[in-house]
């Protein structure tokens, strides 16, 4: 019976988190209320407060959960570089996966929300940077360093910086467009592929193996 109760509690918690994510993304942090969350999750407000002390804790839980999922997705993409025998198609593929992960509407909406609340909740919003984006680029830099060890890239004095250079080449144009112009300004898939491919070309011009 205890296991059944624990399962029911876990389901309610998941429902609250999913409902809260929708409410926060739709109304922003200020406009969101625990009443709205409870109604969307089909639970009582008392149940919401039993799981989360206040709106800030609920917001933090959403950011932590979403950043963890995004970080795992990017880590899997970077891990494919360990099987690369040709750096150009491998980096093009990683660039495409990076753009696909970060240009999803729900990721863009959450990113805007995090930025909007950065001054109000620096510790919470900073989680996006500290536990997702930066660590993922450290992982990318480590994968690139291993590529350099196999002769696929030149020696990298600062692998993490090289990873930032690559991510900047891939992301700068489409991410700025979508962040400022709204979710409707989605970059067409063929343009995303072109941007990823071009980024790999430019990156290898700087970091590719030195020609004898």
N, C-alpha and C. Protein backbone atom coordinates (compact mmCIF):
# COMPACT_ATOMS: atom_id res chain seq x y z
N UNK A 1 0.83 -1.21 0.00
CA UNK A 1 0.00 0.00 0.00
C UNK A 1 0.87 1.25 0.00
N UNK A 2 1.98 1.18 0.73
CA UNK A 2 2.90 2.31 0.79
C UNK A 2 3.48 2.62 -0.58
N UNK A 3 3.82 1.57 -1.35
CA UNK A 3 4.36 1.76 -2.69
C UNK A 3 3.34 2.43 -3.60
N UNK A 4 2.07 2.05 -3.44
CA UNK A 4 1.01 2.66 -4.24
C UNK A 4 0.91 4.14 -3.94
N UNK A 5 0.99 4.48 -2.66
CA UNK A 5 0.91 5.88 -2.25
C UNK A 5 2.09 6.68 -2.78
N UNK A 6 3.28 6.08 -2.72
CA UNK A 6 4.47 6.75 -3.24
C UNK A 6 4.36 6.97 -4.74
N UNK A 7 3.80 5.97 -5.45
CA UNK A 7 3.61 6.11 -6.89
C UNK A 7 2.63 7.21 -7.21
N UNK A 8 1.55 7.30 -6.43
CA UNK A 8 0.54 8.35 -6.65
C UNK A 8 1.15 9.72 -6.39
N UNK A 9 1.96 9.83 -5.34
CA UNK A 9 2.63 11.10 -5.02
C UNK A 9 3.58 11.51 -6.13
N UNK A 10 4.33 10.56 -6.65
CA UNK A 10 5.28 10.85 -7.73
C UNK A 10 4.55 11.32 -8.98
N UNK A 11 3.41 10.69 -9.29
CA UNK A 11 2.63 11.10 -10.46
C UNK A 11 2.10 12.52 -10.29
N UNK A 12 1.64 12.84 -9.09
CA UNK A 12 1.14 14.19 -8.84
C UNK A 12 2.26 15.21 -8.97
N UNK A 13 3.44 14.85 -8.48
CA UNK A 13 4.57 15.76 -8.57
C UNK A 13 4.94 16.04 -10.02
N UNK A 14 4.95 14.97 -10.84
CA UNK A 14 5.26 15.15 -12.27
C UNK A 14 4.20 16.02 -12.93
N UNK A 15 2.93 15.78 -12.57
CA UNK A 15 1.84 16.57 -13.16
C UNK A 15 1.97 18.04 -12.79
N UNK A 16 2.36 18.31 -11.56
CA UNK A 16 2.53 19.69 -11.11
C UNK A 16 3.68 20.35 -11.86
N UNK A 17 4.78 19.64 -12.02
CA UNK A 17 5.94 20.21 -12.72
C UNK A 17 5.60 20.51 -14.18
N UNK A 18 4.93 19.57 -14.84
CA UNK A 18 4.56 19.79 -16.24
C UNK A 18 3.57 20.95 -16.37
N UNK A 19 2.61 21.00 -15.46
CA UNK A 19 1.63 22.08 -15.50
C UNK A 19 2.30 23.42 -15.23
N UNK A 20 3.20 23.45 -14.26
CA UNK A 20 3.89 24.69 -13.91
C UNK A 20 4.74 25.19 -15.06
N UNK A 21 5.40 24.27 -15.76
CA UNK A 21 6.21 24.67 -16.92
C UNK A 21 5.34 25.38 -17.94
N UNK A 22 4.17 24.85 -18.22
CA UNK A 22 3.26 25.47 -19.18
C UNK A 22 2.80 26.85 -18.69
N UNK A 23 2.46 26.93 -17.41
CA UNK A 23 1.97 28.19 -16.85
C UNK A 23 3.06 29.25 -16.87
N UNK A 24 4.26 28.89 -16.44
CA UNK A 24 5.36 29.86 -16.43
C UNK A 24 5.69 30.34 -17.85
N UNK A 25 5.72 29.41 -18.80
CA UNK A 25 6.06 29.79 -20.16
C UNK A 25 4.98 30.66 -20.79
N UNK A 26 3.73 30.43 -20.41
CA UNK A 26 2.63 31.19 -20.98
C UNK A 26 2.49 32.56 -20.34
N UNK A 27 2.67 32.64 -19.01
CA UNK A 27 2.37 33.88 -18.29
C UNK A 27 3.61 34.58 -17.74
N UNK A 28 4.78 33.94 -17.82
CA UNK A 28 5.96 34.51 -17.19
C UNK A 28 5.94 34.24 -15.69
N UNK A 29 7.04 34.52 -15.04
CA UNK A 29 7.11 34.22 -13.60
C UNK A 29 6.12 35.07 -12.81
N UNK A 30 6.10 36.38 -13.08
CA UNK A 30 5.22 37.28 -12.33
C UNK A 30 3.76 36.94 -12.56
N UNK A 31 3.40 36.64 -13.79
CA UNK A 31 2.00 36.38 -14.11
C UNK A 31 1.50 35.02 -13.69
N UNK A 32 2.41 34.11 -13.40
CA UNK A 32 2.01 32.75 -13.02
C UNK A 32 1.57 32.72 -11.56
N UNK A 33 0.61 31.86 -11.26
CA UNK A 33 0.14 31.71 -9.88
C UNK A 33 0.06 30.22 -9.54
N UNK A 34 0.14 29.94 -8.27
CA UNK A 34 0.02 28.56 -7.81
C UNK A 34 -1.40 28.04 -8.05
N UNK A 35 -2.39 28.94 -8.04
CA UNK A 35 -3.76 28.53 -8.35
C UNK A 35 -3.85 28.01 -9.78
N UNK A 36 -3.21 28.72 -10.72
CA UNK A 36 -3.21 28.28 -12.11
C UNK A 36 -2.53 26.93 -12.26
N UNK A 37 -1.42 26.76 -11.56
CA UNK A 37 -0.69 25.49 -11.62
C UNK A 37 -1.56 24.36 -11.10
N UNK A 38 -2.19 24.58 -9.97
CA UNK A 38 -3.04 23.54 -9.37
C UNK A 38 -4.18 23.17 -10.31
N UNK A 39 -4.81 24.17 -10.91
CA UNK A 39 -5.93 23.90 -11.81
C UNK A 39 -5.47 23.10 -13.03
N UNK A 40 -4.34 23.48 -13.62
CA UNK A 40 -3.86 22.77 -14.81
C UNK A 40 -3.41 21.35 -14.47
N UNK A 41 -2.87 21.17 -13.27
CA UNK A 41 -2.41 19.84 -12.86
C UNK A 41 -3.54 18.97 -12.32
N UNK A 42 -4.71 19.58 -12.16
CA UNK A 42 -5.88 18.87 -11.62
C UNK A 42 -5.62 18.35 -10.21
N UNK A 43 -4.98 19.20 -9.40
CA UNK A 43 -4.76 18.87 -7.99
C UNK A 43 -5.16 20.09 -7.17
N UNK A 44 -5.23 19.91 -5.85
CA UNK A 44 -5.55 21.04 -4.98
C UNK A 44 -4.32 21.92 -4.79
N UNK A 45 -4.57 23.18 -4.44
CA UNK A 45 -3.44 24.08 -4.17
C UNK A 45 -2.65 23.58 -2.98
N UNK A 46 -3.32 22.94 -2.03
CA UNK A 46 -2.65 22.37 -0.87
C UNK A 46 -1.64 21.31 -1.30
N UNK A 47 -2.02 20.52 -2.31
CA UNK A 47 -1.10 19.49 -2.82
C UNK A 47 0.13 20.13 -3.45
N UNK A 48 -0.08 21.23 -4.17
CA UNK A 48 1.06 21.93 -4.78
C UNK A 48 2.02 22.41 -3.71
N UNK A 49 1.49 23.03 -2.67
CA UNK A 49 2.34 23.56 -1.60
C UNK A 49 2.96 22.43 -0.77
N UNK A 50 2.33 21.28 -0.76
CA UNK A 50 2.92 20.14 -0.05
C UNK A 50 4.19 19.66 -0.76
N UNK A 51 4.20 19.78 -2.08
CA UNK A 51 5.35 19.35 -2.88
C UNK A 51 6.41 20.46 -2.99
N UNK A 52 5.95 21.72 -3.07
CA UNK A 52 6.86 22.84 -3.28
C UNK A 52 6.49 23.97 -2.33
N UNK A 53 7.48 24.46 -1.60
CA UNK A 53 7.22 25.44 -0.55
C UNK A 53 6.62 26.73 -1.09
N UNK A 54 7.05 27.14 -2.28
CA UNK A 54 6.54 28.38 -2.86
C UNK A 54 6.82 28.39 -4.36
N UNK A 55 6.43 29.48 -5.00
CA UNK A 55 6.57 29.58 -6.45
C UNK A 55 8.03 29.56 -6.87
N UNK A 56 8.91 30.16 -6.07
CA UNK A 56 10.33 30.19 -6.42
C UNK A 56 10.91 28.78 -6.46
N UNK A 57 10.56 27.95 -5.47
CA UNK A 57 11.07 26.57 -5.44
C UNK A 57 10.54 25.77 -6.63
N UNK A 58 9.30 26.02 -7.00
CA UNK A 58 8.73 25.34 -8.15
C UNK A 58 9.43 25.77 -9.44
N UNK A 59 9.70 27.06 -9.56
CA UNK A 59 10.43 27.58 -10.72
C UNK A 59 11.82 26.95 -10.80
N UNK A 60 12.49 26.86 -9.65
CA UNK A 60 13.83 26.26 -9.61
C UNK A 60 13.79 24.80 -10.05
N UNK A 61 12.79 24.08 -9.63
CA UNK A 61 12.67 22.66 -10.00
C UNK A 61 12.52 22.51 -11.51
N UNK A 62 11.76 23.38 -12.13
CA UNK A 62 11.56 23.31 -13.58
C UNK A 62 12.88 23.59 -14.30
N UNK A 63 13.59 24.63 -13.88
CA UNK A 63 14.86 24.98 -14.53
C UNK A 63 15.86 23.84 -14.38
N UNK A 64 15.96 23.28 -13.18
CA UNK A 64 16.89 22.18 -12.94
C UNK A 64 16.56 20.97 -13.81
N UNK A 65 15.27 20.64 -13.87
CA UNK A 65 14.87 19.47 -14.65
C UNK A 65 15.11 19.66 -16.14
N UNK A 66 14.74 20.83 -16.65
CA UNK A 66 14.91 21.08 -18.09
C UNK A 66 16.38 21.17 -18.47
N UNK A 67 17.20 21.79 -17.64
CA UNK A 67 18.62 21.90 -17.97
C UNK A 67 19.29 20.54 -17.94
N UNK A 68 18.85 19.68 -17.04
CA UNK A 68 19.42 18.33 -16.97
C UNK A 68 19.13 17.55 -18.24
N UNK A 69 17.89 17.62 -18.70
CA UNK A 69 17.51 16.91 -19.93
C UNK A 69 18.28 17.45 -21.12
N UNK A 70 18.38 18.78 -21.23
CA UNK A 70 19.09 19.39 -22.35
C UNK A 70 20.57 19.02 -22.31
N UNK A 71 21.16 19.05 -21.12
CA UNK A 71 22.57 18.68 -20.99
C UNK A 71 22.83 17.26 -21.42
N UNK A 72 21.93 16.35 -21.08
CA UNK A 72 22.08 14.94 -21.48
C UNK A 72 22.00 14.80 -23.00
N UNK A 73 21.08 15.52 -23.61
CA UNK A 73 20.93 15.45 -25.07
C UNK A 73 22.20 15.93 -25.78
N UNK A 74 22.75 17.04 -25.31
CA UNK A 74 23.95 17.57 -25.94
C UNK A 74 25.15 16.65 -25.70
N UNK A 75 25.23 16.08 -24.51
CA UNK A 75 26.34 15.17 -24.22
C UNK A 75 26.33 13.97 -25.16
N UNK A 76 25.13 13.44 -25.46
CA UNK A 76 25.04 12.31 -26.39
C UNK A 76 25.49 12.72 -27.79
N UNK A 77 25.17 13.96 -28.18
CA UNK A 77 25.59 14.44 -29.51
C UNK A 77 27.12 14.54 -29.57
N UNK A 78 27.72 15.09 -28.53
CA UNK A 78 29.17 15.27 -28.54
C UNK A 78 29.90 13.93 -28.50
N UNK A 79 29.30 12.95 -27.87
CA UNK A 79 29.95 11.64 -27.74
C UNK A 79 30.16 10.98 -29.10
N UNK A 80 29.38 11.38 -30.10
CA UNK A 80 29.54 10.78 -31.43
C UNK A 80 30.88 11.14 -32.05
N UNK A 81 31.52 12.20 -31.57
CA UNK A 81 32.81 12.60 -32.11
C UNK A 81 33.90 11.58 -31.82
N UNK A 82 33.69 10.75 -30.81
CA UNK A 82 34.70 9.74 -30.47
C UNK A 82 34.78 8.65 -31.53
N UNK A 83 33.76 8.54 -32.37
CA UNK A 83 33.77 7.54 -33.44
C UNK A 83 34.18 8.15 -34.77
N UNK A 84 34.50 9.44 -34.79
CA UNK A 84 34.77 10.13 -36.05
C UNK A 84 36.11 9.69 -36.65
N UNK A 85 36.09 9.54 -37.96
CA UNK A 85 37.34 9.30 -38.69
C UNK A 85 37.61 10.46 -39.65
N UNK A 86 36.59 11.28 -39.91
CA UNK A 86 36.72 12.46 -40.75
C UNK A 86 36.08 13.62 -39.98
N UNK A 87 36.83 14.66 -39.64
CA UNK A 87 36.28 15.70 -38.78
C UNK A 87 35.17 16.53 -39.42
N UNK A 88 35.18 16.70 -40.74
CA UNK A 88 34.19 17.58 -41.36
C UNK A 88 32.76 17.06 -41.22
N UNK A 89 32.44 15.85 -41.67
CA UNK A 89 31.05 15.39 -41.50
C UNK A 89 30.68 15.21 -40.03
N UNK A 90 31.66 14.84 -39.20
CA UNK A 90 31.36 14.65 -37.78
C UNK A 90 30.96 15.97 -37.13
N UNK A 91 31.70 17.04 -37.41
CA UNK A 91 31.38 18.35 -36.82
C UNK A 91 30.11 18.94 -37.43
N UNK A 92 29.90 18.69 -38.71
CA UNK A 92 28.64 19.15 -39.31
C UNK A 92 27.45 18.51 -38.62
N UNK A 93 27.55 17.23 -38.34
CA UNK A 93 26.45 16.52 -37.69
C UNK A 93 26.22 17.04 -36.28
N UNK A 94 27.30 17.28 -35.54
CA UNK A 94 27.16 17.81 -34.18
C UNK A 94 26.55 19.21 -34.23
N UNK A 95 26.97 20.02 -35.19
CA UNK A 95 26.38 21.35 -35.33
C UNK A 95 24.89 21.29 -35.59
N UNK A 96 24.47 20.37 -36.43
CA UNK A 96 23.04 20.22 -36.71
C UNK A 96 22.28 19.77 -35.47
N UNK A 97 22.85 18.83 -34.72
CA UNK A 97 22.18 18.36 -33.51
C UNK A 97 22.11 19.46 -32.46
N UNK A 98 23.16 20.28 -32.38
CA UNK A 98 23.17 21.40 -31.45
C UNK A 98 22.04 22.37 -31.78
N UNK A 99 21.89 22.70 -33.04
CA UNK A 99 20.83 23.61 -33.44
C UNK A 99 19.45 23.00 -33.24
N UNK A 100 19.30 21.73 -33.56
CA UNK A 100 18.00 21.07 -33.38
C UNK A 100 17.58 21.08 -31.92
N UNK A 101 18.53 20.84 -31.01
CA UNK A 101 18.22 20.80 -29.58
C UNK A 101 17.85 22.18 -29.05
N UNK A 102 18.60 23.19 -29.45
CA UNK A 102 18.43 24.52 -28.87
C UNK A 102 17.38 25.37 -29.57
N UNK A 103 16.93 24.96 -30.75
CA UNK A 103 15.93 25.76 -31.46
C UNK A 103 14.50 25.24 -31.28
N UNK A 104 14.33 24.22 -30.44
CA UNK A 104 12.96 23.76 -30.18
C UNK A 104 12.19 24.86 -29.45
N UNK A 105 10.93 25.08 -29.81
CA UNK A 105 10.16 26.18 -29.21
C UNK A 105 10.16 26.17 -27.69
N UNK A 106 10.01 24.99 -27.07
CA UNK A 106 9.95 24.96 -25.60
C UNK A 106 11.28 25.34 -24.98
N UNK A 107 12.39 25.02 -25.66
CA UNK A 107 13.71 25.40 -25.15
C UNK A 107 13.90 26.91 -25.28
N UNK A 108 13.51 27.47 -26.42
CA UNK A 108 13.62 28.91 -26.62
C UNK A 108 12.77 29.68 -25.61
N UNK A 109 11.56 29.21 -25.36
CA UNK A 109 10.68 29.88 -24.41
C UNK A 109 11.26 29.84 -23.00
N UNK A 110 11.79 28.68 -22.63
CA UNK A 110 12.38 28.56 -21.30
C UNK A 110 13.63 29.43 -21.19
N UNK A 111 14.42 29.48 -22.25
CA UNK A 111 15.63 30.32 -22.25
C UNK A 111 15.25 31.79 -22.04
N UNK A 112 14.20 32.25 -22.72
CA UNK A 112 13.75 33.64 -22.54
C UNK A 112 13.31 33.87 -21.10
N UNK A 113 12.59 32.92 -20.53
CA UNK A 113 12.11 33.06 -19.16
C UNK A 113 13.28 33.13 -18.19
N UNK A 114 14.27 32.29 -18.39
CA UNK A 114 15.45 32.28 -17.53
C UNK A 114 16.16 33.63 -17.60
N UNK A 115 16.33 34.15 -18.81
CA UNK A 115 17.00 35.44 -18.97
C UNK A 115 16.19 36.56 -18.31
N UNK A 116 14.88 36.52 -18.47
CA UNK A 116 14.01 37.56 -17.91
C UNK A 116 14.09 37.60 -16.39
N UNK A 117 14.33 36.45 -15.76
CA UNK A 117 14.34 36.38 -14.30
C UNK A 117 15.75 36.32 -13.73
N UNK A 118 16.77 36.58 -14.56
CA UNK A 118 18.16 36.43 -14.12
C UNK A 118 18.50 37.36 -12.95
N UNK A 119 18.00 38.59 -12.97
CA UNK A 119 18.31 39.52 -11.88
C UNK A 119 17.50 39.21 -10.62
N UNK A 120 16.29 38.73 -10.81
CA UNK A 120 15.44 38.43 -9.66
C UNK A 120 15.92 37.17 -8.93
N UNK A 121 16.30 36.15 -9.73
CA UNK A 121 16.73 34.88 -9.16
C UNK A 121 18.05 34.44 -9.80
N UNK A 122 19.14 35.15 -9.49
CA UNK A 122 20.41 34.82 -10.15
C UNK A 122 20.88 33.40 -9.90
N UNK A 123 20.63 32.88 -8.70
CA UNK A 123 21.07 31.51 -8.40
C UNK A 123 20.29 30.49 -9.22
N UNK A 124 18.99 30.72 -9.34
CA UNK A 124 18.14 29.80 -10.10
C UNK A 124 18.44 29.91 -11.59
N UNK A 125 18.41 31.13 -12.10
CA UNK A 125 18.64 31.31 -13.52
C UNK A 125 20.07 30.94 -13.91
N UNK A 126 21.01 31.16 -13.01
CA UNK A 126 22.39 30.79 -13.29
C UNK A 126 22.57 29.30 -13.48
N UNK A 127 21.61 28.51 -13.02
CA UNK A 127 21.68 27.06 -13.20
C UNK A 127 21.74 26.69 -14.67
N UNK A 128 21.03 27.47 -15.49
CA UNK A 128 21.03 27.21 -16.94
C UNK A 128 22.45 27.22 -17.47
N UNK A 129 23.22 28.21 -17.03
CA UNK A 129 24.60 28.34 -17.48
C UNK A 129 25.50 27.32 -16.79
N UNK A 130 25.37 27.20 -15.47
CA UNK A 130 26.30 26.42 -14.67
C UNK A 130 26.12 24.91 -14.84
N UNK A 131 24.88 24.46 -15.08
CA UNK A 131 24.64 23.03 -15.09
C UNK A 131 24.24 22.49 -16.46
N UNK A 132 24.13 23.37 -17.45
CA UNK A 132 23.74 22.87 -18.78
C UNK A 132 24.72 23.35 -19.84
N UNK A 133 24.65 24.64 -20.17
CA UNK A 133 25.38 25.10 -21.35
C UNK A 133 26.90 25.01 -21.18
N UNK A 134 27.43 25.61 -20.13
CA UNK A 134 28.89 25.59 -19.97
C UNK A 134 29.44 24.18 -19.80
N UNK A 135 28.89 23.35 -18.91
CA UNK A 135 29.42 21.98 -18.80
C UNK A 135 29.33 21.20 -20.10
N UNK A 136 28.28 21.46 -20.89
CA UNK A 136 28.16 20.72 -22.15
C UNK A 136 29.28 21.12 -23.10
N UNK A 137 29.70 22.39 -23.07
CA UNK A 137 30.79 22.81 -23.94
C UNK A 137 32.15 22.36 -23.41
N UNK A 138 32.25 22.17 -22.11
CA UNK A 138 33.45 21.54 -21.58
C UNK A 138 33.57 20.11 -22.12
N UNK A 139 32.44 19.40 -22.15
CA UNK A 139 32.42 18.05 -22.71
C UNK A 139 32.77 18.07 -24.20
N UNK A 140 32.22 19.04 -24.93
CA UNK A 140 32.54 19.16 -26.35
C UNK A 140 34.04 19.42 -26.53
N UNK A 141 34.60 20.29 -25.70
CA UNK A 141 36.03 20.56 -25.78
C UNK A 141 36.86 19.33 -25.51
N UNK A 142 36.41 18.51 -24.55
CA UNK A 142 37.14 17.27 -24.25
C UNK A 142 37.09 16.31 -25.44
N UNK A 143 35.92 16.24 -26.09
CA UNK A 143 35.80 15.37 -27.27
C UNK A 143 36.69 15.89 -28.40
N UNK A 144 36.75 17.21 -28.55
CA UNK A 144 37.62 17.79 -29.57
C UNK A 144 39.10 17.52 -29.26
N UNK A 145 39.43 17.55 -27.98
CA UNK A 145 40.81 17.26 -27.59
C UNK A 145 41.19 15.83 -27.94
N UNK A 146 40.24 14.92 -27.77
CA UNK A 146 40.50 13.53 -28.16
C UNK A 146 40.63 13.41 -29.68
N UNK A 147 39.85 14.21 -30.41
CA UNK A 147 40.00 14.23 -31.87
C UNK A 147 41.41 14.72 -32.24
N UNK A 148 41.88 15.74 -31.53
CA UNK A 148 43.23 16.24 -31.80
C UNK A 148 44.27 15.16 -31.52
N UNK A 149 44.02 14.37 -30.49
CA UNK A 149 44.94 13.27 -30.18
C UNK A 149 44.98 12.22 -31.26
N UNK A 150 43.91 12.11 -32.06
CA UNK A 150 43.87 11.15 -33.17
C UNK A 150 44.30 11.80 -34.49
N UNK A 151 44.74 13.06 -34.42
CA UNK A 151 45.20 13.75 -35.61
C UNK A 151 44.12 14.36 -36.45
N UNK A 152 42.87 14.41 -35.94
CA UNK A 152 41.76 14.97 -36.71
C UNK A 152 41.65 16.49 -36.55
N UNK A 153 42.25 17.03 -35.50
CA UNK A 153 42.33 18.47 -35.28
C UNK A 153 43.77 18.78 -34.88
N UNK A 154 44.13 20.05 -34.99
CA UNK A 154 45.45 20.42 -34.51
C UNK A 154 45.45 20.48 -32.98
N UNK A 155 46.58 20.60 -32.38
CA UNK A 155 46.66 20.65 -30.92
C UNK A 155 45.85 21.83 -30.40
N UNK A 156 45.09 21.59 -29.33
CA UNK A 156 44.20 22.61 -28.78
C UNK A 156 44.73 23.10 -27.44
N UNK A 157 45.31 24.30 -27.39
CA UNK A 157 45.79 24.83 -26.11
C UNK A 157 44.65 25.02 -25.10
N UNK A 158 43.47 25.36 -25.58
CA UNK A 158 42.31 25.58 -24.71
C UNK A 158 41.10 24.91 -25.36
N UNK A 159 40.88 23.62 -25.09
CA UNK A 159 39.78 22.89 -25.74
C UNK A 159 38.40 23.51 -25.50
N UNK A 160 38.15 24.00 -24.27
CA UNK A 160 36.83 24.59 -23.99
C UNK A 160 36.62 25.85 -24.83
N UNK A 161 37.65 26.66 -24.99
CA UNK A 161 37.52 27.85 -25.82
C UNK A 161 37.25 27.45 -27.28
N UNK A 162 37.91 26.41 -27.75
CA UNK A 162 37.65 25.93 -29.11
C UNK A 162 36.19 25.51 -29.25
N UNK A 163 35.65 24.86 -28.22
CA UNK A 163 34.25 24.45 -28.24
C UNK A 163 33.33 25.67 -28.29
N UNK A 164 33.66 26.71 -27.55
CA UNK A 164 32.87 27.94 -27.60
C UNK A 164 32.94 28.59 -28.98
N UNK A 165 34.11 28.56 -29.58
CA UNK A 165 34.23 29.11 -30.93
C UNK A 165 33.30 28.36 -31.89
N UNK A 166 33.30 27.04 -31.80
CA UNK A 166 32.44 26.25 -32.68
C UNK A 166 30.97 26.54 -32.41
N UNK A 167 30.58 26.54 -31.13
CA UNK A 167 29.18 26.80 -30.79
C UNK A 167 28.75 28.19 -31.25
N UNK A 168 29.64 29.17 -31.12
CA UNK A 168 29.31 30.51 -31.56
C UNK A 168 29.07 30.58 -33.06
N UNK A 169 29.92 29.90 -33.81
CA UNK A 169 29.75 29.87 -35.26
C UNK A 169 28.41 29.23 -35.64
N UNK A 170 28.05 28.19 -34.92
CA UNK A 170 26.81 27.47 -35.22
C UNK A 170 25.58 28.27 -34.81
N UNK A 171 25.61 28.86 -33.62
CA UNK A 171 24.39 29.33 -32.99
C UNK A 171 24.10 30.82 -33.15
N UNK A 172 25.11 31.63 -33.40
CA UNK A 172 24.92 33.07 -33.24
C UNK A 172 23.75 33.62 -34.05
N UNK A 173 23.73 33.37 -35.33
CA UNK A 173 22.68 33.96 -36.17
C UNK A 173 21.30 33.41 -35.86
N UNK A 174 21.08 32.08 -35.90
CA UNK A 174 19.70 31.61 -35.69
C UNK A 174 19.20 31.83 -34.28
N UNK A 175 20.06 31.70 -33.27
CA UNK A 175 19.59 31.87 -31.90
C UNK A 175 19.21 33.31 -31.63
N UNK A 176 20.00 34.26 -32.12
CA UNK A 176 19.64 35.67 -31.92
C UNK A 176 18.35 36.00 -32.64
N UNK A 177 18.18 35.48 -33.84
CA UNK A 177 16.95 35.74 -34.58
C UNK A 177 15.74 35.22 -33.79
N UNK A 178 15.84 33.99 -33.31
CA UNK A 178 14.69 33.39 -32.63
C UNK A 178 14.47 33.97 -31.24
N UNK A 179 15.53 34.37 -30.56
CA UNK A 179 15.37 34.95 -29.23
C UNK A 179 14.71 36.32 -29.29
N UNK A 180 15.10 37.14 -30.30
CA UNK A 180 14.58 38.50 -30.38
C UNK A 180 13.26 38.59 -31.14
N UNK A 181 13.11 37.77 -32.16
CA UNK A 181 11.93 37.89 -33.03
C UNK A 181 10.78 36.99 -32.59
N UNK A 182 11.01 36.13 -31.61
CA UNK A 182 9.94 35.26 -31.13
C UNK A 182 9.97 33.88 -31.76
N UNK A 183 9.21 32.98 -31.17
CA UNK A 183 9.21 31.59 -31.60
C UNK A 183 8.71 31.40 -33.03
N UNK A 184 7.95 32.39 -33.53
CA UNK A 184 7.45 32.27 -34.90
C UNK A 184 8.56 32.46 -35.93
N UNK A 185 9.67 33.07 -35.50
CA UNK A 185 10.78 33.32 -36.42
C UNK A 185 11.70 32.10 -36.48
N UNK A 186 11.13 30.96 -36.73
CA UNK A 186 11.90 29.72 -36.76
C UNK A 186 12.72 29.67 -38.04
N UNK A 187 13.99 29.35 -37.90
CA UNK A 187 14.86 29.22 -39.06
C UNK A 187 14.53 27.93 -39.79
N UNK A 188 14.31 27.97 -41.11
CA UNK A 188 13.98 26.75 -41.87
C UNK A 188 15.06 25.68 -41.70
N UNK A 189 14.67 24.41 -41.70
CA UNK A 189 15.64 23.32 -41.51
C UNK A 189 16.80 23.35 -42.48
N UNK A 190 16.52 23.69 -43.75
CA UNK A 190 17.62 23.70 -44.73
C UNK A 190 18.63 24.80 -44.42
N UNK A 191 18.16 25.92 -43.86
CA UNK A 191 19.09 26.99 -43.48
C UNK A 191 19.89 26.59 -42.25
N UNK A 192 19.25 25.88 -41.30
CA UNK A 192 19.98 25.40 -40.14
C UNK A 192 21.10 24.45 -40.56
N UNK A 193 20.78 23.58 -41.50
CA UNK A 193 21.81 22.66 -41.98
C UNK A 193 22.95 23.41 -42.65
N UNK A 194 22.61 24.43 -43.43
CA UNK A 194 23.64 25.22 -44.10
C UNK A 194 24.52 25.94 -43.07
N UNK A 195 23.90 26.49 -42.02
CA UNK A 195 24.65 27.18 -40.99
C UNK A 195 25.60 26.22 -40.26
N UNK A 196 25.09 25.03 -39.93
CA UNK A 196 25.92 24.04 -39.25
C UNK A 196 27.09 23.60 -40.12
N UNK A 197 26.80 23.38 -41.40
CA UNK A 197 27.85 22.94 -42.32
C UNK A 197 28.91 24.03 -42.50
N UNK A 198 28.46 25.26 -42.65
CA UNK A 198 29.39 26.37 -42.82
C UNK A 198 30.23 26.58 -41.57
N UNK A 199 29.61 26.41 -40.40
CA UNK A 199 30.34 26.55 -39.15
C UNK A 199 31.46 25.52 -39.06
N UNK A 200 31.18 24.29 -39.47
CA UNK A 200 32.21 23.25 -39.44
C UNK A 200 33.35 23.60 -40.39
N UNK A 201 33.00 24.13 -41.57
CA UNK A 201 34.03 24.53 -42.54
C UNK A 201 34.94 25.60 -41.96
N UNK A 202 34.34 26.63 -41.37
CA UNK A 202 35.13 27.74 -40.82
C UNK A 202 35.96 27.27 -39.62
N UNK A 203 35.34 26.45 -38.77
CA UNK A 203 36.05 25.95 -37.60
C UNK A 203 37.29 25.16 -38.02
N UNK A 204 37.16 24.31 -39.02
CA UNK A 204 38.29 23.49 -39.44
C UNK A 204 39.36 24.33 -40.15
N UNK A 205 38.96 25.46 -40.72
CA UNK A 205 39.97 26.35 -41.30
C UNK A 205 40.92 26.87 -40.23
N UNK A 206 40.40 27.00 -39.01
CA UNK A 206 41.22 27.48 -37.90
C UNK A 206 41.81 26.35 -37.06
N UNK A 207 41.05 25.28 -36.89
CA UNK A 207 41.45 24.22 -35.97
C UNK A 207 41.74 22.88 -36.64
N UNK A 208 41.58 22.81 -37.94
CA UNK A 208 41.84 21.54 -38.62
C UNK A 208 43.33 21.17 -38.56
N UNK A 209 43.63 19.91 -38.86
CA UNK A 209 45.04 19.46 -38.81
C UNK A 209 45.91 20.30 -39.75
N UNK A 210 47.09 20.61 -39.29
CA UNK A 210 48.02 21.43 -40.09
C UNK A 210 48.47 20.61 -41.30
N UNK A 211 48.51 21.28 -42.43
CA UNK A 211 48.98 20.63 -43.65
C UNK A 211 50.49 20.72 -43.73
N UNK A 212 51.09 19.61 -44.14
CA UNK A 212 52.55 19.59 -44.26
C UNK A 212 52.98 20.49 -45.40
